[in-house]
Amino acid sequence: MRHAALLLVALSALARGVPAQDTLAIERGERVRLTLSSGRTAVVGLLVTQDRDSLRVRARPDAPPVAFPRAGVTGVEASLGRHGHAGTGALVGLLAGGLVGAGAGSSCSGDFLCPGAGGGALLLGGTGLLFGALVGVFVRSERWESVYPERLGVTVLNTRRGLGVGVSIGF
């Protein structure tokens, strides 16, 4: 049991250094977001070049690229593009409009143009659905995919006794 625990510690220590030896799974020109160990806010820009020691990112088209040492980068994410939130807006509008419509419809019993709780919920819920979807189309955000650190890494290692396997798991 003691040998298994030592082997696990040794493999995890060796596997941590593996990502810095290779280039990341991102291409030149991709939009990236770097998380730095210095605690600065994330750096977003286009990847210019990468090598074993550094990543060069251009934050603005008119700015020169800035080199970030790989040792100081704790996370790298690649952009999956921007998208709207029409579905979320429609759902929020439907629920809000339905609740307001049900409340307003139930308080006007006996009036000439009173639709009742169900009719009010249907009428204002439908209106809220359309309005919420319209607002959601214009609310856009960017989706990111983590590139480094890798969540699960498996590597073949050359040890004194022959070949070994290194496994790293990120949380």
N, C-alpha and C. Protein backbone atom coordinates (compact mmCIF):
# COMPACT_ATOMS: atom_id res chain seq x y z
N MET A 1 0.82 -1.19 0.00
CA MET A 1 0.00 0.00 0.00
C MET A 1 0.87 1.26 0.00
N ARG A 2 1.98 1.21 0.74
CA ARG A 2 2.87 2.36 0.81
C ARG A 2 3.45 2.68 -0.56
N HIS A 3 3.80 1.63 -1.32
CA HIS A 3 4.37 1.84 -2.65
C HIS A 3 3.34 2.44 -3.61
N ALA A 4 2.10 2.01 -3.48
CA ALA A 4 1.04 2.55 -4.34
C ALA A 4 0.83 4.04 -4.07
N ALA A 5 0.87 4.42 -2.79
CA ALA A 5 0.69 5.83 -2.45
C ALA A 5 1.86 6.66 -2.97
N LEU A 6 3.08 6.16 -2.84
CA LEU A 6 4.25 6.87 -3.35
C LEU A 6 4.19 7.00 -4.87
N LEU A 7 3.77 5.94 -5.54
CA LEU A 7 3.64 5.97 -7.00
C LEU A 7 2.62 7.01 -7.43
N LEU A 8 1.50 7.08 -6.72
CA LEU A 8 0.46 8.05 -7.06
C LEU A 8 0.97 9.48 -6.87
N VAL A 9 1.68 9.73 -5.79
CA VAL A 9 2.24 11.07 -5.55
C VAL A 9 3.26 11.43 -6.62
N ALA A 10 4.12 10.47 -6.96
CA ALA A 10 5.15 10.72 -7.98
C ALA A 10 4.52 10.98 -9.34
N LEU A 11 3.51 10.20 -9.72
CA LEU A 11 2.86 10.39 -11.02
C LEU A 11 2.14 11.73 -11.09
N SER A 12 1.48 12.13 -10.00
CA SER A 12 0.78 13.41 -10.05
C SER A 12 1.76 14.58 -10.11
N ALA A 13 2.91 14.44 -9.45
CA ALA A 13 3.93 15.50 -9.52
C ALA A 13 4.51 15.61 -10.92
N LEU A 14 4.75 14.48 -11.56
CA LEU A 14 5.29 14.49 -12.92
C LEU A 14 4.26 14.99 -13.93
N ALA A 15 3.00 14.62 -13.74
CA ALA A 15 1.96 14.98 -14.71
C ALA A 15 1.65 16.46 -14.69
N ARG A 16 1.89 17.17 -13.58
CA ARG A 16 1.60 18.60 -13.52
C ARG A 16 2.46 19.39 -14.48
N GLY A 17 3.69 18.98 -14.70
CA GLY A 17 4.59 19.72 -15.57
C GLY A 17 4.39 19.44 -17.04
N VAL A 18 3.58 18.48 -17.38
CA VAL A 18 3.44 18.07 -18.77
C VAL A 18 2.81 19.15 -19.65
N PRO A 19 1.72 19.84 -19.26
CA PRO A 19 1.12 20.81 -20.16
C PRO A 19 2.05 21.93 -20.59
N ALA A 20 3.02 22.33 -19.77
CA ALA A 20 3.91 23.41 -20.13
C ALA A 20 4.91 23.00 -21.21
N GLN A 21 5.06 21.70 -21.45
CA GLN A 21 6.02 21.25 -22.44
C GLN A 21 5.47 21.30 -23.86
N ASP A 22 4.20 21.23 -24.00
CA ASP A 22 3.58 21.20 -25.32
C ASP A 22 2.82 22.49 -25.57
N THR A 23 2.46 22.72 -26.82
CA THR A 23 1.60 23.86 -27.12
C THR A 23 0.17 23.47 -26.79
N LEU A 24 -0.67 24.47 -26.56
CA LEU A 24 -2.06 24.22 -26.20
C LEU A 24 -2.88 23.92 -27.46
N ALA A 25 -4.05 23.36 -27.25
CA ALA A 25 -4.92 22.97 -28.36
C ALA A 25 -5.73 24.16 -28.87
N ILE A 26 -5.05 25.23 -29.19
CA ILE A 26 -5.68 26.41 -29.78
C ILE A 26 -4.80 26.88 -30.93
N GLU A 27 -5.43 27.50 -31.90
CA GLU A 27 -4.71 27.93 -33.10
C GLU A 27 -4.45 29.43 -33.06
N ARG A 28 -3.50 29.83 -33.84
CA ARG A 28 -3.18 31.25 -33.99
C ARG A 28 -4.41 31.98 -34.53
N GLY A 29 -4.70 33.15 -33.97
CA GLY A 29 -5.85 33.94 -34.41
C GLY A 29 -7.12 33.67 -33.63
N GLU A 30 -7.14 32.66 -32.77
CA GLU A 30 -8.34 32.39 -31.97
C GLU A 30 -8.45 33.39 -30.83
N ARG A 31 -9.68 33.69 -30.46
CA ARG A 31 -9.94 34.58 -29.33
C ARG A 31 -9.78 33.77 -28.05
N VAL A 32 -8.93 34.25 -27.14
CA VAL A 32 -8.64 33.52 -25.91
C VAL A 32 -8.83 34.43 -24.70
N ARG A 33 -9.02 33.79 -23.55
CA ARG A 33 -9.08 34.51 -22.27
C ARG A 33 -8.09 33.83 -21.33
N LEU A 34 -7.11 34.61 -20.85
CA LEU A 34 -6.08 34.09 -19.96
C LEU A 34 -6.38 34.48 -18.52
N THR A 35 -6.27 33.54 -17.62
CA THR A 35 -6.34 33.81 -16.19
C THR A 35 -4.92 33.76 -15.66
N LEU A 36 -4.50 34.82 -14.99
CA LEU A 36 -3.12 34.94 -14.56
C LEU A 36 -2.99 34.69 -13.06
N SER A 37 -1.84 34.13 -12.66
CA SER A 37 -1.61 33.85 -11.25
C SER A 37 -1.35 35.12 -10.45
N SER A 38 -1.06 36.22 -11.12
CA SER A 38 -0.79 37.48 -10.42
C SER A 38 -2.04 38.11 -9.84
N GLY A 39 -3.21 37.58 -10.18
CA GLY A 39 -4.46 38.11 -9.64
C GLY A 39 -5.06 39.22 -10.47
N ARG A 40 -4.40 39.63 -11.57
CA ARG A 40 -4.98 40.64 -12.45
C ARG A 40 -6.26 40.10 -13.05
N THR A 41 -7.06 41.01 -13.57
CA THR A 41 -8.26 40.56 -14.26
C THR A 41 -7.87 39.76 -15.49
N ALA A 42 -8.78 38.95 -15.97
CA ALA A 42 -8.49 38.09 -17.12
C ALA A 42 -8.12 38.94 -18.34
N VAL A 43 -7.20 38.43 -19.13
CA VAL A 43 -6.76 39.10 -20.35
C VAL A 43 -7.47 38.43 -21.53
N VAL A 44 -8.18 39.21 -22.33
CA VAL A 44 -8.91 38.69 -23.49
C VAL A 44 -8.30 39.29 -24.74
N GLY A 45 -8.04 38.45 -25.74
CA GLY A 45 -7.49 38.94 -26.99
C GLY A 45 -7.29 37.81 -27.97
N LEU A 46 -6.62 38.11 -29.08
CA LEU A 46 -6.33 37.11 -30.11
C LEU A 46 -4.95 36.52 -29.87
N LEU A 47 -4.87 35.19 -29.97
CA LEU A 47 -3.59 34.52 -29.80
C LEU A 47 -2.73 34.80 -31.03
N VAL A 48 -1.54 35.34 -30.80
CA VAL A 48 -0.62 35.64 -31.90
C VAL A 48 0.32 34.46 -32.11
N THR A 49 1.02 34.04 -31.07
CA THR A 49 1.88 32.86 -31.13
C THR A 49 1.93 32.21 -29.75
N GLN A 50 2.39 30.97 -29.74
CA GLN A 50 2.61 30.26 -28.49
C GLN A 50 3.82 29.35 -28.66
N ASP A 51 4.53 29.16 -27.57
CA ASP A 51 5.62 28.19 -27.55
C ASP A 51 5.66 27.56 -26.16
N ARG A 52 6.73 26.83 -25.87
CA ARG A 52 6.82 26.14 -24.58
C ARG A 52 6.84 27.10 -23.41
N ASP A 53 7.34 28.30 -23.60
CA ASP A 53 7.57 29.22 -22.50
C ASP A 53 6.55 30.34 -22.36
N SER A 54 5.88 30.70 -23.44
CA SER A 54 5.01 31.87 -23.35
C SER A 54 3.86 31.81 -24.35
N LEU A 55 2.86 32.65 -24.07
CA LEU A 55 1.73 32.89 -24.97
C LEU A 55 1.75 34.37 -25.30
N ARG A 56 1.61 34.70 -26.58
CA ARG A 56 1.58 36.10 -27.00
C ARG A 56 0.17 36.42 -27.48
N VAL A 57 -0.42 37.43 -26.82
CA VAL A 57 -1.82 37.78 -27.07
C VAL A 57 -1.90 39.25 -27.44
N ARG A 58 -2.73 39.54 -28.44
CA ARG A 58 -2.99 40.93 -28.85
C ARG A 58 -4.38 41.29 -28.33
N ALA A 59 -4.43 42.20 -27.35
CA ALA A 59 -5.70 42.57 -26.72
C ALA A 59 -6.57 43.43 -27.64
N ARG A 60 -5.94 44.32 -28.42
CA ARG A 60 -6.66 45.18 -29.36
C ARG A 60 -5.97 45.08 -30.72
N PRO A 61 -6.70 45.31 -31.81
CA PRO A 61 -6.08 45.22 -33.13
C PRO A 61 -4.94 46.21 -33.35
N ASP A 62 -5.01 47.37 -32.69
CA ASP A 62 -3.97 48.38 -32.89
C ASP A 62 -2.83 48.28 -31.87
N ALA A 63 -2.91 47.33 -30.95
CA ALA A 63 -1.89 47.19 -29.90
C ALA A 63 -0.88 46.10 -30.28
N PRO A 64 0.35 46.24 -29.81
CA PRO A 64 1.33 45.19 -30.06
C PRO A 64 1.01 43.97 -29.19
N PRO A 65 1.44 42.78 -29.60
CA PRO A 65 1.19 41.59 -28.78
C PRO A 65 1.97 41.66 -27.47
N VAL A 66 1.37 41.10 -26.43
CA VAL A 66 1.99 41.05 -25.11
C VAL A 66 2.29 39.60 -24.79
N ALA A 67 3.51 39.33 -24.33
CA ALA A 67 3.92 37.96 -23.98
C ALA A 67 3.59 37.69 -22.52
N PHE A 68 2.97 36.55 -22.26
CA PHE A 68 2.67 36.10 -20.91
C PHE A 68 3.42 34.79 -20.68
N PRO A 69 4.26 34.72 -19.65
CA PRO A 69 4.98 33.47 -19.39
C PRO A 69 4.01 32.36 -19.00
N ARG A 70 4.24 31.15 -19.51
CA ARG A 70 3.34 30.03 -19.23
C ARG A 70 3.27 29.73 -17.74
N ALA A 71 4.35 29.97 -17.02
CA ALA A 71 4.36 29.71 -15.58
C ALA A 71 3.40 30.63 -14.85
N GLY A 72 3.11 31.80 -15.40
CA GLY A 72 2.22 32.75 -14.75
C GLY A 72 0.77 32.65 -15.20
N VAL A 73 0.47 31.71 -16.09
CA VAL A 73 -0.89 31.54 -16.60
C VAL A 73 -1.52 30.34 -15.89
N THR A 74 -2.62 30.59 -15.18
CA THR A 74 -3.29 29.50 -14.47
C THR A 74 -4.47 28.92 -15.25
N GLY A 75 -4.94 29.62 -16.26
CA GLY A 75 -6.06 29.11 -17.05
C GLY A 75 -6.12 29.76 -18.42
N VAL A 76 -6.50 28.96 -19.41
CA VAL A 76 -6.68 29.46 -20.78
C VAL A 76 -8.02 28.95 -21.28
N GLU A 77 -8.82 29.86 -21.82
CA GLU A 77 -10.11 29.48 -22.39
C GLU A 77 -10.19 30.00 -23.82
N ALA A 78 -10.80 29.21 -24.69
CA ALA A 78 -11.00 29.59 -26.09
C ALA A 78 -12.47 29.97 -26.28
N SER A 79 -12.70 31.00 -27.08
CA SER A 79 -14.05 31.48 -27.32
C SER A 79 -14.81 30.53 -28.25
N LEU A 80 -16.05 30.25 -27.89
CA LEU A 80 -16.94 29.46 -28.75
C LEU A 80 -17.89 30.36 -29.53
N GLY A 81 -17.72 31.68 -29.38
CA GLY A 81 -18.56 32.62 -30.11
C GLY A 81 -19.58 33.30 -29.21
N ARG A 82 -20.25 34.27 -29.77
CA ARG A 82 -21.27 35.02 -29.04
C ARG A 82 -22.64 34.48 -29.40
N HIS A 83 -23.56 34.56 -28.44
CA HIS A 83 -24.91 34.06 -28.68
C HIS A 83 -25.92 34.91 -27.93
N GLY A 84 -27.16 34.89 -28.38
CA GLY A 84 -28.23 35.63 -27.74
C GLY A 84 -28.94 34.78 -26.70
N HIS A 85 -29.87 35.39 -26.00
CA HIS A 85 -30.60 34.71 -24.93
C HIS A 85 -32.11 34.79 -25.14
N ALA A 86 -32.54 34.52 -26.36
CA ALA A 86 -33.97 34.62 -26.67
C ALA A 86 -34.79 33.61 -25.87
N GLY A 87 -34.30 32.41 -25.71
CA GLY A 87 -35.04 31.38 -24.96
C GLY A 87 -35.20 31.74 -23.50
N THR A 88 -34.13 32.21 -22.89
CA THR A 88 -34.20 32.62 -21.48
C THR A 88 -35.13 33.82 -21.31
N GLY A 89 -35.04 34.78 -22.22
CA GLY A 89 -35.91 35.95 -22.16
C GLY A 89 -37.37 35.57 -22.32
N ALA A 90 -37.65 34.63 -23.23
CA ALA A 90 -39.03 34.19 -23.45
C ALA A 90 -39.59 33.51 -22.21
N LEU A 91 -38.77 32.68 -21.57
CA LEU A 91 -39.22 31.98 -20.37
C LEU A 91 -39.49 32.95 -19.22
N VAL A 92 -38.59 33.90 -19.01
CA VAL A 92 -38.79 34.89 -17.95
C VAL A 92 -40.02 35.74 -18.24
N GLY A 93 -40.18 36.16 -19.49
CA GLY A 93 -41.36 36.96 -19.87
C GLY A 93 -42.66 36.19 -19.70
N LEU A 94 -42.66 34.91 -20.05
CA LEU A 94 -43.86 34.08 -19.91
C LEU A 94 -44.24 33.94 -18.44
N LEU A 95 -43.27 33.64 -17.58
CA LEU A 95 -43.56 33.46 -16.16
C LEU A 95 -44.01 34.77 -15.51
N ALA A 96 -43.28 35.85 -15.78
CA ALA A 96 -43.64 37.14 -15.18
C ALA A 96 -45.01 37.61 -15.68
N GLY A 97 -45.21 37.54 -16.98
CA GLY A 97 -46.50 37.96 -17.54
C GLY A 97 -47.64 37.08 -17.08
N GLY A 98 -47.40 35.79 -16.98
CA GLY A 98 -48.44 34.87 -16.51
C GLY A 98 -48.85 35.14 -15.08
N LEU A 99 -47.86 35.40 -14.21
CA LEU A 99 -48.17 35.69 -12.81
C LEU A 99 -48.92 37.01 -12.66
N VAL A 100 -48.46 38.04 -13.35
CA VAL A 100 -49.13 39.34 -13.28
C VAL A 100 -50.53 39.22 -13.87
N GLY A 101 -50.67 38.53 -14.99
CA GLY A 101 -51.98 38.36 -15.62
C GLY A 101 -52.95 37.58 -14.76
N ALA A 102 -52.47 36.54 -14.09
CA ALA A 102 -53.33 35.75 -13.21
C ALA A 102 -53.78 36.60 -12.02
N GLY A 103 -52.86 37.38 -11.47
CA GLY A 103 -53.22 38.24 -10.34
C GLY A 103 -54.20 39.32 -10.73
N ALA A 104 -53.95 39.95 -11.86
CA ALA A 104 -54.85 41.02 -12.32
C ALA A 104 -56.20 40.45 -12.73
N GLY A 105 -56.21 39.29 -13.37
CA GLY A 105 -57.47 38.70 -13.81
C GLY A 105 -58.33 38.21 -12.66
N SER A 106 -57.71 37.76 -11.59
CA SER A 106 -58.49 37.25 -10.46
C SER A 106 -59.06 38.38 -9.60
N SER A 107 -58.52 39.58 -9.72
CA SER A 107 -58.99 40.69 -8.88
C SER A 107 -60.15 41.46 -9.51
N CYS A 108 -60.53 41.14 -10.72
CA CYS A 108 -61.56 41.93 -11.39
C CYS A 108 -62.82 41.10 -11.66
N SER A 109 -63.19 40.25 -10.77
CA SER A 109 -64.34 39.38 -11.03
C SER A 109 -65.63 40.19 -11.19
N GLY A 110 -66.38 39.84 -12.19
CA GLY A 110 -67.66 40.47 -12.44
C GLY A 110 -67.62 41.68 -13.34
N ASP A 111 -66.45 42.19 -13.68
CA ASP A 111 -66.36 43.35 -14.58
C ASP A 111 -66.68 42.90 -16.01
N PHE A 112 -67.01 43.89 -16.84
CA PHE A 112 -67.41 43.59 -18.22
C PHE A 112 -66.27 42.98 -19.04
N LEU A 113 -65.08 43.55 -19.00
CA LEU A 113 -63.96 43.05 -19.78
C LEU A 113 -62.96 42.25 -18.94
N CYS A 114 -63.40 41.58 -17.93
CA CYS A 114 -62.51 40.81 -17.06
C CYS A 114 -62.31 39.41 -17.63
N PRO A 115 -61.07 39.06 -17.97
CA PRO A 115 -60.83 37.74 -18.55
C PRO A 115 -60.75 36.62 -17.52
N GLY A 116 -60.68 36.95 -16.24
CA GLY A 116 -60.51 35.94 -15.20
C GLY A 116 -59.03 35.61 -15.04
N ALA A 117 -58.72 34.79 -14.05
CA ALA A 117 -57.32 34.48 -13.73
C ALA A 117 -56.65 33.73 -14.89
N GLY A 118 -57.31 32.75 -15.46
CA GLY A 118 -56.73 31.96 -16.56
C GLY A 118 -56.54 32.79 -17.82
N GLY A 119 -57.55 33.58 -18.16
CA GLY A 119 -57.45 34.42 -19.35
C GLY A 119 -56.40 35.50 -19.20
N GLY A 120 -56.29 36.08 -18.01
CA GLY A 120 -55.27 37.10 -17.76
C GLY A 120 -53.88 36.51 -17.84
N ALA A 121 -53.72 35.31 -17.27
CA ALA A 121 -52.42 34.63 -17.34
C ALA A 121 -52.06 34.32 -18.78
N LEU A 122 -53.01 33.87 -19.56
CA LEU A 122 -52.76 33.54 -20.96
C LEU A 122 -52.43 34.79 -21.77
N LEU A 123 -53.20 35.84 -21.56
CA LEU A 123 -53.01 37.08 -22.33
C LEU A 123 -51.68 37.75 -21.99
N LEU A 124 -51.42 38.01 -20.73
CA LEU A 124 -50.18 38.68 -20.36
C LEU A 124 -48.97 37.74 -20.43
N GLY A 125 -49.18 36.44 -20.23
CA GLY A 125 -48.08 35.48 -20.38
C GLY A 125 -47.59 35.41 -21.81
N GLY A 126 -48.52 35.42 -22.78
CA GLY A 126 -48.14 35.42 -24.19
C GLY A 126 -47.43 36.69 -24.60
N THR A 127 -47.93 37.81 -24.08
CA THR A 127 -47.28 39.10 -24.36
C THR A 127 -45.89 39.13 -23.76
N GLY A 128 -45.74 38.65 -22.53
CA GLY A 128 -44.44 38.60 -21.88
C GLY A 128 -43.47 37.67 -22.60
N LEU A 129 -43.99 36.58 -23.12
CA LEU A 129 -43.15 35.66 -23.88
C LEU A 129 -42.56 36.34 -25.11
N LEU A 130 -43.38 37.05 -25.87
CA LEU A 130 -42.89 37.74 -27.07
C LEU A 130 -41.92 38.87 -26.72
N PHE A 131 -42.27 39.66 -25.71
CA PHE A 131 -41.41 40.77 -25.32
C PHE A 131 -40.08 40.25 -24.75
N GLY A 132 -40.13 39.21 -23.94
CA GLY A 132 -38.91 38.64 -23.36
C GLY A 132 -37.99 38.05 -24.42
N ALA A 133 -38.57 37.38 -25.41
CA ALA A 133 -37.75 36.82 -26.50
C ALA A 133 -37.10 37.94 -27.31
N LEU A 134 -37.83 39.01 -27.55
CA LEU A 134 -37.28 40.14 -28.30
C LEU A 134 -36.12 40.79 -27.54
N VAL A 135 -36.27 40.99 -26.25
CA VAL A 135 -35.18 41.55 -25.45
C VAL A 135 -34.00 40.59 -25.41
N GLY A 136 -34.26 39.28 -25.25
CA GLY A 136 -33.21 38.28 -25.18
C GLY A 136 -32.37 38.17 -26.44
N VAL A 137 -32.96 38.48 -27.59
CA VAL A 137 -32.21 38.44 -28.85
C VAL A 137 -31.08 39.46 -28.82
N PHE A 138 -31.31 40.60 -28.19
CA PHE A 138 -30.32 41.67 -28.18
C PHE A 138 -29.34 41.58 -27.01
N VAL A 139 -29.60 40.74 -26.04
CA VAL A 139 -28.67 40.53 -24.93
C VAL A 139 -27.74 39.39 -25.35
N ARG A 140 -26.48 39.72 -25.61
CA ARG A 140 -25.54 38.73 -26.14
C ARG A 140 -24.40 38.53 -25.15
N SER A 141 -23.89 37.30 -25.11
CA SER A 141 -22.73 37.00 -24.27
C SER A 141 -21.84 36.01 -25.01
N GLU A 142 -20.64 35.85 -24.50
CA GLU A 142 -19.66 34.98 -25.14
C GLU A 142 -19.51 33.70 -24.34
N ARG A 143 -19.46 32.58 -25.04
CA ARG A 143 -19.24 31.29 -24.38
C ARG A 143 -17.77 30.92 -24.48
N TRP A 144 -17.24 30.32 -23.41
CA TRP A 144 -15.83 29.97 -23.34
C TRP A 144 -15.67 28.49 -23.05
N GLU A 145 -14.63 27.90 -23.63
CA GLU A 145 -14.29 26.49 -23.37
C GLU A 145 -12.88 26.45 -22.78
N SER A 146 -12.75 25.74 -21.66
CA SER A 146 -11.45 25.65 -21.00
C SER A 146 -10.49 24.81 -21.84
N VAL A 147 -9.30 25.34 -22.09
CA VAL A 147 -8.27 24.64 -22.84
C VAL A 147 -7.14 24.19 -21.91
N TYR A 148 -6.87 25.01 -20.89
CA TYR A 148 -5.83 24.69 -19.92
C TYR A 148 -6.25 25.28 -18.58
N PRO A 149 -6.14 24.65 -17.46
CA PRO A 149 -5.58 23.31 -17.30
C PRO A 149 -6.55 22.26 -17.80
N GLU A 150 -5.99 21.19 -18.30
CA GLU A 150 -6.81 20.09 -18.78
C GLU A 150 -7.48 19.41 -17.60
N ARG A 151 -8.72 18.99 -17.80
CA ARG A 151 -9.45 18.33 -16.73
C ARG A 151 -8.89 16.93 -16.45
N LEU A 152 -8.49 16.25 -17.50
CA LEU A 152 -7.93 14.91 -17.35
C LEU A 152 -6.78 14.78 -18.32
N GLY A 153 -5.61 14.47 -17.79
CA GLY A 153 -4.43 14.31 -18.64
C GLY A 153 -3.79 12.96 -18.40
N VAL A 154 -3.49 12.26 -19.47
CA VAL A 154 -2.79 10.98 -19.40
C VAL A 154 -1.56 11.10 -20.28
N THR A 155 -0.40 10.73 -19.72
CA THR A 155 0.86 10.90 -20.41
C THR A 155 1.72 9.66 -20.23
N VAL A 156 2.47 9.30 -21.26
CA VAL A 156 3.45 8.22 -21.16
C VAL A 156 4.77 8.85 -20.72
N LEU A 157 5.36 8.30 -19.66
CA LEU A 157 6.58 8.84 -19.09
C LEU A 157 7.73 7.87 -19.27
N ASN A 158 8.93 8.38 -19.46
CA ASN A 158 10.13 7.56 -19.55
C ASN A 158 10.79 7.58 -18.18
N THR A 159 10.75 6.48 -17.47
CA THR A 159 11.33 6.39 -16.13
C THR A 159 12.61 5.56 -16.16
N ARG A 160 13.29 5.46 -14.99
CA ARG A 160 14.52 4.66 -14.92
C ARG A 160 14.26 3.18 -15.20
N ARG A 161 13.11 2.69 -14.83
CA ARG A 161 12.78 1.27 -15.01
C ARG A 161 12.11 0.98 -16.35
N GLY A 162 11.85 1.97 -17.14
CA GLY A 162 11.17 1.76 -18.42
C GLY A 162 10.08 2.80 -18.59
N LEU A 163 9.00 2.42 -19.25
CA LEU A 163 7.89 3.34 -19.50
C LEU A 163 6.92 3.33 -18.34
N GLY A 164 6.29 4.48 -18.06
CA GLY A 164 5.28 4.60 -17.04
C GLY A 164 4.14 5.44 -17.55
N VAL A 165 3.09 5.54 -16.77
CA VAL A 165 1.91 6.30 -17.15
C VAL A 165 1.68 7.39 -16.10
N GLY A 166 1.51 8.63 -16.56
CA GLY A 166 1.19 9.74 -15.68
C GLY A 166 -0.25 10.15 -15.88
N VAL A 167 -0.96 10.34 -14.78
CA VAL A 167 -2.36 10.73 -14.82
C VAL A 167 -2.54 11.98 -13.98
N SER A 168 -3.22 13.00 -14.55
CA SER A 168 -3.54 14.20 -13.77
C SER A 168 -5.02 14.49 -13.91
N ILE A 169 -5.63 14.86 -12.80
CA ILE A 169 -7.06 15.18 -12.78
C ILE A 169 -7.21 16.58 -12.23
N GLY A 170 -7.86 17.47 -12.96
CA GLY A 170 -8.09 18.84 -12.50
C GLY A 170 -9.51 19.02 -12.01
N PHE A 171 -9.70 19.92 -11.05
CA PHE A 171 -11.02 20.19 -10.51
C PHE A 171 -11.41 21.62 -10.76
